[in-house]
Amino acid sequence: MDLFSGLPVTEMARAAAWYERLLGEPATFVASPQESVWDLAEGRAIFVELAPEHAGHARVLLFVDDLEARVAEIAARGLEPVSREEYPNGVRKVNYLDPDGNQVGLGGLTAVDAGGAE
């Protein structure tokens, strides 16, 4: 099963710049002046779409292998999470808000739960 998830925004240039900082690379391709796409892995992508009437209501969670390393990389590009959560099952989550208020979460297991030593 493939996933193609969209985030509505009010301004394409501002959104593209923010998602480039979050994801560490420019859009994989610009589908149209109203849509830019980032391929995250085979069969998995997110897109930002100019849709001001819906902006700020999207929520996406990306599960990553090394959450803390990813958060540090993103911080080096100037973005900090707005919140952090830890669940009893060992899952940790950080949340980022794009300029329109869409929530992009990153989740991962603690090193112990992922089979490593913490």
PDB file of N, CA and C in Angstrom:
ATOM      1  N   MET A   1       0.844  -1.165   0.000  1.00  0.00           N
ATOM      2  CA  MET A   1       0.000   0.000   0.000  1.00  0.00           C
ATOM      3  C   MET A   1       0.896   1.237   0.000  1.00  0.00           C
ATOM      4  N   ASP A   2       0.605   2.168  -0.862  1.00  0.00           N
ATOM      5  CA  ASP A   2       1.342   3.429  -0.935  1.00  0.00           C
ATOM      6  C   ASP A   2       0.578   4.510  -0.192  1.00  0.00           C
ATOM      7  N   LEU A   3       1.298   5.575   0.159  1.00  0.00           N
ATOM      8  CA  LEU A   3       0.678   6.687   0.871  1.00  0.00           C
ATOM      9  C   LEU A   3       1.088   7.991   0.209  1.00  0.00           C
ATOM     10  N   PHE A   4       0.113   8.843  -0.053  1.00  0.00           N
ATOM     11  CA  PHE A   4       0.316  10.168  -0.634  1.00  0.00           C
ATOM     12  C   PHE A   4      -0.535  11.111   0.197  1.00  0.00           C
ATOM     13  N   SER A   5       0.096  11.815   1.135  1.00  0.00           N
ATOM     14  CA  SER A   5      -0.635  12.616   2.117  1.00  0.00           C
ATOM     15  C   SER A   5      -0.433  14.097   1.849  1.00  0.00           C
ATOM     16  N   GLY A   6      -1.522  14.873   1.934  1.00  0.00           N
ATOM     17  CA  GLY A   6      -1.465  16.291   1.594  1.00  0.00           C
ATOM     18  C   GLY A   6      -1.632  17.226   2.775  1.00  0.00           C
ATOM     19  N   LEU A   7      -0.980  18.383   2.652  1.00  0.00           N
ATOM     20  CA  LEU A   7      -1.068  19.432   3.662  1.00  0.00           C
ATOM     21  C   LEU A   7      -1.474  20.729   2.960  1.00  0.00           C
ATOM     22  N   PRO A   8      -2.641  21.260   3.266  1.00  0.00           N
ATOM     23  CA  PRO A   8      -3.094  22.491   2.623  1.00  0.00           C
ATOM     24  C   PRO A   8      -2.401  23.715   3.221  1.00  0.00           C
ATOM     25  N   VAL A   9      -2.021  24.648   2.360  1.00  0.00           N
ATOM     26  CA  VAL A   9      -1.292  25.841   2.796  1.00  0.00           C
ATOM     27  C   VAL A   9      -1.880  27.090   2.156  1.00  0.00           C
ATOM     28  N   THR A  10      -1.503  28.235   2.724  1.00  0.00           N
ATOM     29  CA  THR A  10      -1.998  29.510   2.197  1.00  0.00           C
ATOM     30  C   THR A  10      -1.037  30.174   1.226  1.00  0.00           C
ATOM     31  N   GLU A  11       0.249  29.809   1.291  1.00  0.00           N
ATOM     32  CA  GLU A  11       1.256  30.448   0.438  1.00  0.00           C
ATOM     33  C   GLU A  11       2.320  29.420   0.057  1.00  0.00           C
ATOM     34  N   MET A  12       2.451  29.124  -1.208  1.00  0.00           N
ATOM     35  CA  MET A  12       3.346  28.058  -1.661  1.00  0.00           C
ATOM     36  C   MET A  12       4.816  28.337  -1.371  1.00  0.00           C
ATOM     37  N   ALA A  13       5.315  29.512  -1.672  1.00  0.00           N
ATOM     38  CA  ALA A  13       6.751  29.783  -1.486  1.00  0.00           C
ATOM     39  C   ALA A  13       7.141  29.638  -0.020  1.00  0.00           C
ATOM     40  N   ARG A  14       6.340  30.190   0.865  1.00  0.00           N
ATOM     41  CA  ARG A  14       6.623  30.100   2.299  1.00  0.00           C
ATOM     42  C   ARG A  14       6.566  28.642   2.759  1.00  0.00           C
ATOM     43  N   ALA A  15       5.560  27.907   2.325  1.00  0.00           N
ATOM     44  CA  ALA A  15       5.420  26.497   2.716  1.00  0.00           C
ATOM     45  C   ALA A  15       6.571  25.662   2.168  1.00  0.00           C
ATOM     46  N   ALA A  16       6.921  25.859   0.914  1.00  0.00           N
ATOM     47  CA  ALA A  16       8.010  25.081   0.320  1.00  0.00           C
ATOM     48  C   ALA A  16       9.314  25.318   1.071  1.00  0.00           C
ATOM     49  N   ALA A  17       9.588  26.548   1.441  1.00  0.00           N
ATOM     50  CA  ALA A  17      10.808  26.856   2.190  1.00  0.00           C
ATOM     51  C   ALA A  17      10.790  26.177   3.556  1.00  0.00           C
ATOM     52  N   TRP A  18       9.648  26.200   4.248  1.00  0.00           N
ATOM     53  CA  TRP A  18       9.549  25.590   5.567  1.00  0.00           C
ATOM     54  C   TRP A  18       9.714  24.068   5.471  1.00  0.00           C
ATOM     55  N   TYR A  19       9.038  23.418   4.527  1.00  0.00           N
ATOM     56  CA  TYR A  19       9.140  21.964   4.394  1.00  0.00           C
ATOM     57  C   TYR A  19      10.531  21.540   3.930  1.00  0.00           C
ATOM     58  N   GLU A  20      11.202  22.375   3.158  1.00  0.00           N
ATOM     59  CA  GLU A  20      12.584  22.090   2.791  1.00  0.00           C
ATOM     60  C   GLU A  20      13.473  22.077   4.041  1.00  0.00           C
ATOM     61  N   ARG A  21      13.243  23.011   4.964  1.00  0.00           N
ATOM     62  CA  ARG A  21      14.003  23.018   6.220  1.00  0.00           C
ATOM     63  C   ARG A  21      13.645  21.808   7.073  1.00  0.00           C
ATOM     64  N   LEU A  22      12.383  21.452   7.145  1.00  0.00           N
ATOM     65  CA  LEU A  22      11.966  20.310   7.951  1.00  0.00           C
ATOM     66  C   LEU A  22      12.532  18.999   7.389  1.00  0.00           C
ATOM     67  N   LEU A  23      12.403  18.803   6.094  1.00  0.00           N
ATOM     68  CA  LEU A  23      12.750  17.530   5.480  1.00  0.00           C
ATOM     69  C   LEU A  23      14.196  17.464   4.984  1.00  0.00           C
ATOM     70  N   GLY A  24      14.882  18.611   4.956  1.00  0.00           N
ATOM     71  CA  GLY A  24      16.297  18.622   4.607  1.00  0.00           C
ATOM     72  C   GLY A  24      16.612  18.613   3.126  1.00  0.00           C
ATOM     73  N   GLU A  25      15.604  18.824   2.312  1.00  0.00           N
ATOM     74  CA  GLU A  25      15.845  18.869   0.867  1.00  0.00           C
ATOM     75  C   GLU A  25      14.678  19.564   0.175  1.00  0.00           C
ATOM     76  N   PRO A  26      14.946  20.106  -1.015  1.00  0.00           N
ATOM     77  CA  PRO A  26      13.842  20.722  -1.753  1.00  0.00           C
ATOM     78  C   PRO A  26      12.825  19.673  -2.191  1.00  0.00           C
ATOM     79  N   ALA A  27      11.695  20.137  -2.623  1.00  0.00           N
ATOM     80  CA  ALA A  27      10.659  19.220  -3.118  1.00  0.00           C
ATOM     81  C   ALA A  27      11.250  18.299  -4.179  1.00  0.00           C
ATOM     82  N   THR A  28      10.802  17.059  -4.181  1.00  0.00           N
ATOM     83  CA  THR A  28      11.226  16.102  -5.197  1.00  0.00           C
ATOM     84  C   THR A  28      10.797  16.577  -6.569  1.00  0.00           C
ATOM     85  N   PHE A  29       9.583  17.109  -6.618  1.00  0.00           N
ATOM     86  CA  PHE A  29       9.120  17.723  -7.866  1.00  0.00           C
ATOM     87  C   PHE A  29       7.975  18.680  -7.561  1.00  0.00           C
ATOM     88  N   VAL A  30       7.811  19.631  -8.452  1.00  0.00           N
ATOM     89  CA  VAL A  30       6.714  20.588  -8.368  1.00  0.00           C
ATOM     90  C   VAL A  30       5.683  20.135  -9.389  1.00  0.00           C
ATOM     91  N   ALA A  31       4.565  19.645  -8.886  1.00  0.00           N
ATOM     92  CA  ALA A  31       3.528  19.098  -9.763  1.00  0.00           C
ATOM     93  C   ALA A  31       2.812  20.194 -10.540  1.00  0.00           C
ATOM     94  N   SER A  32       2.668  21.349  -9.903  1.00  0.00           N
ATOM     95  CA  SER A  32       2.022  22.509 -10.520  1.00  0.00           C
ATOM     96  C   SER A  32       2.365  23.716  -9.658  1.00  0.00           C
ATOM     97  N   PRO A  33       2.023  24.918 -10.074  1.00  0.00           N
ATOM     98  CA  PRO A  33       2.276  26.076  -9.209  1.00  0.00           C
ATOM     99  C   PRO A  33       1.531  25.996  -7.871  1.00  0.00           C
ATOM    100  N   GLN A  34       0.549  25.121  -7.775  1.00  0.00           N
ATOM    101  CA  GLN A  34      -0.230  24.961  -6.550  1.00  0.00           C
ATOM    102  C   GLN A  34       0.128  23.715  -5.741  1.00  0.00           C
ATOM    103  N   GLU A  35       1.131  22.935  -6.174  1.00  0.00           N
ATOM    104  CA  GLU A  35       1.429  21.681  -5.470  1.00  0.00           C
ATOM    105  C   GLU A  35       2.899  21.289  -5.616  1.00  0.00           C
ATOM    106  N   SER A  36       3.537  21.012  -4.467  1.00  0.00           N
ATOM    107  CA  SER A  36       4.912  20.505  -4.435  1.00  0.00           C
ATOM    108  C   SER A  36       4.920  19.194  -3.665  1.00  0.00           C
ATOM    109  N   VAL A  37       5.768  18.249  -4.109  1.00  0.00           N
ATOM    110  CA  VAL A  37       5.767  16.885  -3.577  1.00  0.00           C
ATOM    111  C   VAL A  37       7.155  16.513  -3.065  1.00  0.00           C
ATOM    112  N   TRP A  38       7.178  15.872  -1.892  1.00  0.00           N
ATOM    113  CA  TRP A  38       8.403  15.310  -1.322  1.00  0.00           C
ATOM    114  C   TRP A  38       8.231  13.803  -1.239  1.00  0.00           C
ATOM    115  N   ASP A  39       9.070  13.052  -1.957  1.00  0.00           N
ATOM    116  CA  ASP A  39       9.095  11.599  -1.810  1.00  0.00           C
ATOM    117  C   ASP A  39       9.877  11.292  -0.542  1.00  0.00           C
ATOM    118  N   LEU A  40       9.279  10.574   0.391  1.00  0.00           N
ATOM    119  CA  LEU A  40       9.920  10.242   1.662  1.00  0.00           C
ATOM    120  C   LEU A  40      10.583   8.876   1.626  1.00  0.00           C
ATOM    121  N   ALA A  41       9.995   7.949   0.921  1.00  0.00           N
ATOM    122  CA  ALA A  41      10.497   6.592   0.738  1.00  0.00           C
ATOM    123  C   ALA A  41       9.695   6.004  -0.413  1.00  0.00           C
ATOM    124  N   GLU A  42      10.087   4.840  -0.861  1.00  0.00           N
ATOM    125  CA  GLU A  42       9.363   4.248  -1.975  1.00  0.00           C
ATOM    126  C   GLU A  42       7.881   4.107  -1.636  1.00  0.00           C
ATOM    127  N   GLY A  43       7.052   4.675  -2.478  1.00  0.00           N
ATOM    128  CA  GLY A  43       5.607   4.570  -2.296  1.00  0.00           C
ATOM    129  C   GLY A  43       5.034   5.456  -1.205  1.00  0.00           C
ATOM    130  N   ARG A  44       5.850   6.356  -0.649  1.00  0.00           N
ATOM    131  CA  ARG A  44       5.373   7.235   0.425  1.00  0.00           C
ATOM    132  C   ARG A  44       5.817   8.666   0.153  1.00  0.00           C
ATOM    133  N   ALA A  45       4.842   9.569   0.099  1.00  0.00           N
ATOM    134  CA  ALA A  45       5.139  10.965  -0.200  1.00  0.00           C
ATOM    135  C   ALA A  45       4.174  11.871   0.544  1.00  0.00           C
ATOM    136  N   ILE A  46       4.611  13.103   0.741  1.00  0.00           N
ATOM    137  CA  ILE A  46       3.704  14.148   1.210  1.00  0.00           C
ATOM    138  C   ILE A  46       3.722  15.264   0.176  1.00  0.00           C
ATOM    139  N   PHE A  47       2.629  16.001   0.142  1.00  0.00           N
ATOM    140  CA  PHE A  47       2.588  17.148  -0.752  1.00  0.00           C
ATOM    141  C   PHE A  47       1.974  18.324  -0.025  1.00  0.00           C
ATOM    142  N   VAL A  48       2.428  19.517  -0.407  1.00  0.00           N
ATOM    143  CA  VAL A  48       1.775  20.727   0.067  1.00  0.00           C
ATOM    144  C   VAL A  48       0.993  21.280  -1.115  1.00  0.00           C
ATOM    145  N   GLU A  49      -0.198  21.728  -0.802  1.00  0.00           N
ATOM    146  CA  GLU A  49      -1.120  22.166  -1.837  1.00  0.00           C
ATOM    147  C   GLU A  49      -1.714  23.515  -1.459  1.00  0.00           C
ATOM    148  N   LEU A  50      -1.722  24.426  -2.403  1.00  0.00           N
ATOM    149  CA  LEU A  50      -2.332  25.723  -2.175  1.00  0.00           C
ATOM    150  C   LEU A  50      -3.843  25.526  -2.042  1.00  0.00           C
ATOM    151  N   ALA A  51      -4.330  25.635  -0.805  1.00  0.00           N
ATOM    152  CA  ALA A  51      -5.755  25.455  -0.498  1.00  0.00           C
ATOM    153  C   ALA A  51      -6.040  26.258   0.769  1.00  0.00           C
ATOM    154  N   PRO A  52      -6.022  27.596   0.657  1.00  0.00           N
ATOM    155  CA  PRO A  52      -6.145  28.451   1.842  1.00  0.00           C
ATOM    156  C   PRO A  52      -7.355  28.154   2.716  1.00  0.00           C
ATOM    157  N   GLU A  53      -8.448  27.721   2.126  1.00  0.00           N
ATOM    158  CA  GLU A  53      -9.664  27.471   2.896  1.00  0.00           C
ATOM    159  C   GLU A  53      -9.531  26.262   3.826  1.00  0.00           C
ATOM    160  N   HIS A  54      -8.526  25.419   3.592  1.00  0.00           N
ATOM    161  CA  HIS A  54      -8.323  24.233   4.419  1.00  0.00           C
ATOM    162  C   HIS A  54      -7.028  24.279   5.231  1.00  0.00           C
ATOM    163  N   ALA A  55      -6.227  25.304   5.025  1.00  0.00           N
ATOM    164  CA  ALA A  55      -4.902  25.374   5.655  1.00  0.00           C
ATOM    165  C   ALA A  55      -5.002  25.354   7.177  1.00  0.00           C
ATOM    166  N   GLY A  56      -4.019  24.697   7.786  1.00  0.00           N
ATOM    167  CA  GLY A  56      -3.920  24.673   9.240  1.00  0.00           C
ATOM    168  C   GLY A  56      -4.657  23.551   9.921  1.00  0.00           C
ATOM    169  N   HIS A  57      -5.265  22.651   9.164  1.00  0.00           N
ATOM    170  CA  HIS A  57      -6.061  21.584   9.770  1.00  0.00           C
ATOM    171  C   HIS A  57      -5.484  20.188   9.566  1.00  0.00           C
ATOM    172  N   ALA A  58      -4.328  20.078   8.921  1.00  0.00           N
ATOM    173  CA  ALA A  58      -3.748  18.764   8.633  1.00  0.00           C
ATOM    174  C   ALA A  58      -2.882  18.280   9.794  1.00  0.00           C
ATOM    175  N   ARG A  59      -2.837  16.972   9.943  1.00  0.00           N
ATOM    176  CA  ARG A  59      -1.961  16.322  10.932  1.00  0.00           C
ATOM    177  C   ARG A  59      -1.336  15.107  10.266  1.00  0.00           C
ATOM    178  N   VAL A  60      -0.009  15.056  10.295  1.00  0.00           N
ATOM    179  CA  VAL A  60       0.735  13.959   9.692  1.00  0.00           C
ATOM    180  C   VAL A  60       1.763  13.487  10.709  1.00  0.00           C
ATOM    181  N   LEU A  61       1.960  12.179  10.822  1.00  0.00           N
ATOM    182  CA  LEU A  61       2.990  11.618  11.691  1.00  0.00           C
ATOM    183  C   LEU A  61       3.916  10.760  10.846  1.00  0.00           C
ATOM    184  N   LEU A  62       5.197  11.053  10.918  1.00  0.00           N
ATOM    185  CA  LEU A  62       6.216  10.284  10.218  1.00  0.00           C
ATOM    186  C   LEU A  62       7.014   9.521  11.266  1.00  0.00           C
ATOM    187  N   PHE A  63       7.100   8.225  11.143  1.00  0.00           N
ATOM    188  CA  PHE A  63       7.844   7.405  12.099  1.00  0.00           C
ATOM    189  C   PHE A  63       9.249   7.219  11.542  1.00  0.00           C
ATOM    190  N   VAL A  64      10.269   7.561  12.324  1.00  0.00           N
ATOM    191  CA  VAL A  64      11.664   7.530  11.856  1.00  0.00           C
ATOM    192  C   VAL A  64      12.494   6.598  12.731  1.00  0.00           C
ATOM    193  N   ASP A  65      13.638   6.145  12.198  1.00  0.00           N
ATOM    194  CA  ASP A  65      14.506   5.222  12.925  1.00  0.00           C
ATOM    195  C   ASP A  65      15.209   5.876  14.106  1.00  0.00           C
ATOM    196  N   ASP A  66      15.795   7.040  13.905  1.00  0.00           N
ATOM    197  CA  ASP A  66      16.569   7.706  14.962  1.00  0.00           C
ATOM    198  C   ASP A  66      15.985   9.091  15.193  1.00  0.00           C
ATOM    199  N   LEU A  67      14.994   9.146  16.067  1.00  0.00           N
ATOM    200  CA  LEU A  67      14.251  10.381  16.287  1.00  0.00           C
ATOM    201  C   LEU A  67      15.155  11.520  16.745  1.00  0.00           C
ATOM    202  N   GLU A  68      15.989  11.281  17.739  1.00  0.00           N
ATOM    203  CA  GLU A  68      16.816  12.369  18.274  1.00  0.00           C
ATOM    204  C   GLU A  68      17.802  12.896  17.243  1.00  0.00           C
ATOM    205  N   ALA A  69      18.365  12.020  16.432  1.00  0.00           N
ATOM    206  CA  ALA A  69      19.272  12.479  15.372  1.00  0.00           C
ATOM    207  C   ALA A  69      18.509  13.335  14.365  1.00  0.00           C
ATOM    208  N   ARG A  70      17.299  12.913  14.022  1.00  0.00           N
ATOM    209  CA  ARG A  70      16.489  13.669  13.064  1.00  0.00           C
ATOM    210  C   ARG A  70      16.118  15.035  13.636  1.00  0.00           C
ATOM    211  N   VAL A  71      15.740  15.081  14.909  1.00  0.00           N
ATOM    212  CA  VAL A  71      15.387  16.356  15.551  1.00  0.00           C
ATOM    213  C   VAL A  71      16.600  17.287  15.574  1.00  0.00           C
ATOM    214  N   ALA A  72      17.785  16.737  15.848  1.00  0.00           N
ATOM    215  CA  ALA A  72      19.009  17.553  15.860  1.00  0.00           C
ATOM    216  C   ALA A  72      19.308  18.103  14.466  1.00  0.00           C
ATOM    217  N   GLU A  73      19.126  17.298  13.433  1.00  0.00           N
ATOM    218  CA  GLU A  73      19.344  17.760  12.063  1.00  0.00           C
ATOM    219  C   GLU A  73      18.388  18.897  11.714  1.00  0.00           C
ATOM    220  N   ILE A  74      17.144  18.736  12.104  1.00  0.00           N
ATOM    221  CA  ILE A  74      16.138  19.770  11.818  1.00  0.00           C
ATOM    222  C   ILE A  74      16.452  21.039  12.596  1.00  0.00           C
ATOM    223  N   ALA A  75      16.879  20.900  13.845  1.00  0.00           N
ATOM    224  CA  ALA A  75      17.254  22.068  14.655  1.00  0.00           C
ATOM    225  C   ALA A  75      18.407  22.826  14.012  1.00  0.00           C
ATOM    226  N   ALA A  76      19.345  22.102  13.424  1.00  0.00           N
ATOM    227  CA  ALA A  76      20.474  22.747  12.743  1.00  0.00           C
ATOM    228  C   ALA A  76      20.005  23.563  11.542  1.00  0.00           C
ATOM    229  N   ARG A  77      18.819  23.237  11.032  1.00  0.00           N
ATOM    230  CA  ARG A  77      18.247  23.994   9.916  1.00  0.00           C
ATOM    231  C   ARG A  77      17.280  25.067  10.405  1.00  0.00           C
ATOM    232  N   GLY A  78      17.208  25.251  11.738  1.00  0.00           N
ATOM    233  CA  GLY A  78      16.456  26.368  12.292  1.00  0.00           C
ATOM    234  C   GLY A  78      15.040  26.099  12.739  1.00  0.00           C
ATOM    235  N   LEU A  79      14.624  24.840  12.828  1.00  0.00           N
ATOM    236  CA  LEU A  79      13.265  24.531  13.290  1.00  0.00           C
ATOM    237  C   LEU A  79      13.334  23.736  14.586  1.00  0.00           C
ATOM    238  N   GLU A  80      12.482  24.094  15.523  1.00  0.00           N
ATOM    239  CA  GLU A  80      12.379  23.388  16.806  1.00  0.00           C
ATOM    240  C   GLU A  80      10.965  22.842  16.964  1.00  0.00           C
ATOM    241  N   PRO A  81      10.821  21.691  17.588  1.00  0.00           N
ATOM    242  CA  PRO A  81       9.470  21.172  17.839  1.00  0.00           C
ATOM    243  C   PRO A  81       8.712  22.067  18.805  1.00  0.00           C
ATOM    244  N   VAL A  82       7.407  22.106  18.645  1.00  0.00           N
ATOM    245  CA  VAL A  82       6.568  22.882  19.564  1.00  0.00           C
ATOM    246  C   VAL A  82       6.179  22.067  20.783  1.00  0.00           C
ATOM    247  N   SER A  83       6.302  20.733  20.682  1.00  0.00           N
ATOM    248  CA  SER A  83       6.009  19.884  21.830  1.00  0.00           C
ATOM    249  C   SER A  83       6.694  18.534  21.657  1.00  0.00           C
ATOM    250  N   ARG A  84       6.854  17.855  22.806  1.00  0.00           N
ATOM    251  CA  ARG A  84       7.420  16.506  22.846  1.00  0.00           C
ATOM    252  C   ARG A  84       6.501  15.651  23.708  1.00  0.00           C
ATOM    253  N   GLU A  85       6.351  14.390  23.312  1.00  0.00           N
ATOM    254  CA  GLU A  85       5.513  13.462  24.056  1.00  0.00           C
ATOM    255  C   GLU A  85       6.250  12.134  24.191  1.00  0.00           C
ATOM    256  N   GLU A  86       5.972  11.410  25.272  1.00  0.00           N
ATOM    257  CA  GLU A  86       6.492  10.054  25.425  1.00  0.00           C
ATOM    258  C   GLU A  86       5.358   9.186  25.937  1.00  0.00           C
ATOM    259  N   TYR A  87       5.205   8.030  25.314  1.00  0.00           N
ATOM    260  CA  TYR A  87       4.113   7.137  25.641  1.00  0.00           C
ATOM    261  C   TYR A  87       4.636   5.929  26.429  1.00  0.00           C
ATOM    262  N   PRO A  88       3.783   5.269  27.210  1.00  0.00           N
ATOM    263  CA  PRO A  88       4.216   4.130  28.030  1.00  0.00           C
ATOM    264  C   PRO A  88       4.844   2.987  27.232  1.00  0.00           C
ATOM    265  N   ASN A  89       4.504   2.863  25.967  1.00  0.00           N
ATOM    266  CA  ASN A  89       5.039   1.770  25.160  1.00  0.00           C
ATOM    267  C   ASN A  89       6.417   2.072  24.575  1.00  0.00           C
ATOM    268  N   GLY A  90       7.033   3.196  24.963  1.00  0.00           N
ATOM    269  CA  GLY A  90       8.367   3.539  24.493  1.00  0.00           C
ATOM    270  C   GLY A  90       8.398   4.438  23.276  1.00  0.00           C
ATOM    271  N   VAL A  91       7.259   4.734  22.711  1.00  0.00           N
ATOM    272  CA  VAL A  91       7.219   5.632  21.556  1.00  0.00           C
ATOM    273  C   VAL A  91       7.368   7.071  22.036  1.00  0.00           C
ATOM    274  N   ARG A  92       8.217   7.804  21.334  1.00  0.00           N
ATOM    275  CA  ARG A  92       8.370   9.237  21.580  1.00  0.00           C
ATOM    276  C   ARG A  92       7.892   9.980  20.341  1.00  0.00           C
ATOM    277  N   LYS A  93       7.410  11.192  20.546  1.00  0.00           N
ATOM    278  CA  LYS A  93       6.882  11.976  19.431  1.00  0.00           C
ATOM    279  C   LYS A  93       7.235  13.438  19.650  1.00  0.00           C
ATOM    280  N   VAL A  94       7.643  14.100  18.576  1.00  0.00           N
ATOM    281  CA  VAL A  94       7.820  15.546  18.596  1.00  0.00           C
ATOM    282  C   VAL A  94       6.887  16.128  17.546  1.00  0.00           C
ATOM    283  N   ASN A  95       6.383  17.318  17.820  1.00  0.00           N
ATOM    284  CA  ASN A  95       5.451  17.963  16.898  1.00  0.00           C
ATOM    285  C   ASN A  95       6.019  19.287  16.413  1.00  0.00           C
ATOM    286  N   TYR A  96       5.884  19.500  15.117  1.00  0.00           N
ATOM    287  CA  TYR A  96       6.237  20.763  14.490  1.00  0.00           C
ATOM    288  C   TYR A  96       4.963  21.355  13.907  1.00  0.00           C
ATOM    289  N   LEU A  97       4.890  22.673  13.879  1.00  0.00           N
ATOM    290  CA  LEU A  97       3.777  23.350  13.219  1.00  0.00           C
ATOM    291  C   LEU A  97       4.329  24.161  12.059  1.00  0.00           C
ATOM    292  N   ASP A  98       3.752  23.960  10.878  1.00  0.00           N
ATOM    293  CA  ASP A  98       4.184  24.758   9.733  1.00  0.00           C
ATOM    294  C   ASP A  98       3.607  26.168   9.863  1.00  0.00           C
ATOM    295  N   PRO A  99       3.969  27.089   8.995  1.00  0.00           N
ATOM    296  CA  PRO A  99       3.494  28.473   9.134  1.00  0.00           C
ATOM    297  C   PRO A  99       1.978  28.635   9.142  1.00  0.00           C
ATOM    298  N   ASP A 100       1.260  27.652   8.618  1.00  0.00           N
ATOM    299  CA  ASP A 100      -0.206  27.722   8.610  1.00  0.00           C
ATOM    300  C   ASP A 100      -0.844  27.001   9.791  1.00  0.00           C
ATOM    301  N   GLY A 101      -0.037  26.305  10.587  1.00  0.00           N
ATOM    302  CA  GLY A 101      -0.566  25.579  11.736  1.00  0.00           C
ATOM    303  C   GLY A 101      -0.797  24.105  11.498  1.00  0.00           C
ATOM    304  N   ASN A 102      -0.445  23.589  10.322  1.00  0.00           N
ATOM    305  CA  ASN A 102      -0.518  22.146  10.093  1.00  0.00           C
ATOM    306  C   ASN A 102       0.494  21.473  11.008  1.00  0.00           C
ATOM    307  N   GLN A 103       0.115  20.356  11.599  1.00  0.00           N
ATOM    308  CA  GLN A 103       0.996  19.635  12.517  1.00  0.00           C
ATOM    309  C   GLN A 103       1.709  18.510  11.787  1.00  0.00           C
ATOM    310  N   VAL A 104       3.037  18.523  11.870  1.00  0.00           N
ATOM    311  CA  VAL A 104       3.845  17.429  11.352  1.00  0.00           C
ATOM    312  C   VAL A 104       4.574  16.829  12.540  1.00  0.00           C
ATOM    313  N   GLY A 105       4.221  15.604  12.886  1.00  0.00           N
ATOM    314  CA  GLY A 105       4.851  14.914  13.996  1.00  0.00           C
ATOM    315  C   GLY A 105       5.893  13.936  13.493  1.00  0.00           C
ATOM    316  N   LEU A 106       6.935  13.768  14.294  1.00  0.00           N
ATOM    317  CA  LEU A 106       7.924  12.728  14.045  1.00  0.00           C
ATOM    318  C   LEU A 106       7.890  11.800  15.245  1.00  0.00           C
ATOM    319  N   GLY A 107       7.822  10.519  15.007  1.00  0.00           N
ATOM    320  CA  GLY A 107       7.779   9.554  16.093  1.00  0.00           C
ATOM    321  C   GLY A 107       8.894   8.547  15.960  1.00  0.00           C
ATOM    322  N   GLY A 108       9.245   7.927  17.097  1.00  0.00           N
ATOM    323  CA  GLY A 108      10.262   6.890  17.099  1.00  0.00           C
ATOM    324  C   GLY A 108      10.277   6.176  18.433  1.00  0.00           C
ATOM    325  N   LEU A 109      10.914   5.020  18.468  1.00  0.00           N
ATOM    326  CA  LEU A 109      11.066   4.260  19.701  1.00  0.00           C
ATOM    327  C   LEU A 109      12.287   4.749  20.454  1.00  0.00           C
ATOM    328  N   THR A 110      12.293   4.570  21.775  1.00  0.00           N
ATOM    329  CA  THR A 110      13.503   4.827  22.534  1.00  0.00           C
ATOM    330  C   THR A 110      14.532   3.800  22.097  1.00  0.00           C
ATOM    331  N   ALA A 111      15.806   4.073  22.352  1.00  0.00           N
ATOM    332  CA  ALA A 111      16.875   3.151  21.935  1.00  0.00           C
ATOM    333  C   ALA A 111      16.673   1.763  22.554  1.00  0.00           C
ATOM    334  N   VAL A 112      16.225   1.697  23.810  1.00  0.00           N
ATOM    335  CA  VAL A 112      16.000   0.413  24.471  1.00  0.00           C
ATOM    336  C   VAL A 112      14.898  -0.372  23.757  1.00  0.00           C
ATOM    337  N   ASP A 113      13.788   0.304  23.452  1.00  0.00           N
ATOM    338  CA  ASP A 113      12.680  -0.379  22.786  1.00  0.00           C
ATOM    339  C   ASP A 113      12.981  -0.730  21.345  1.00  0.00           C
ATOM    340  N   ALA A 114      13.916  -0.022  20.742  1.00  0.00           N
ATOM    341  CA  ALA A 114      14.301  -0.298  19.372  1.00  0.00           C
ATOM    342  C   ALA A 114      15.363  -1.385  19.287  1.00  0.00           C
ATOM    343  N   GLY A 115      15.785  -1.918  20.459  1.00  0.00           N
ATOM    344  CA  GLY A 115      16.753  -3.000  20.473  1.00  0.00           C
ATOM    345  C   GLY A 115      18.171  -2.547  20.760  1.00  0.00           C
ATOM    346  N   GLY A 116      18.351  -1.259  21.073  1.00  0.00           N
ATOM    347  CA  GLY A 116      19.686  -0.741  21.381  1.00  0.00           C
ATOM    348  C   GLY A 116      19.843  -0.510  22.854  1.00  0.00           C
ATOM    349  N   ALA A 117      20.953   0.059  23.235  1.00  0.00           N
ATOM    350  CA  ALA A 117      21.192   0.410  24.647  1.00  0.00           C
ATOM    351  C   ALA A 117      21.073   1.901  24.783  1.00  0.00           C
ATOM    352  N   GLU A 118      20.343   2.337  25.767  1.00  0.00           N
ATOM    353  CA  GLU A 118      20.131   3.764  25.945  1.00  0.00           C
ATOM    354  C   GLU A 118      21.069   4.327  26.972  1.00  0.00           C
TER     355      GLU A 118
END
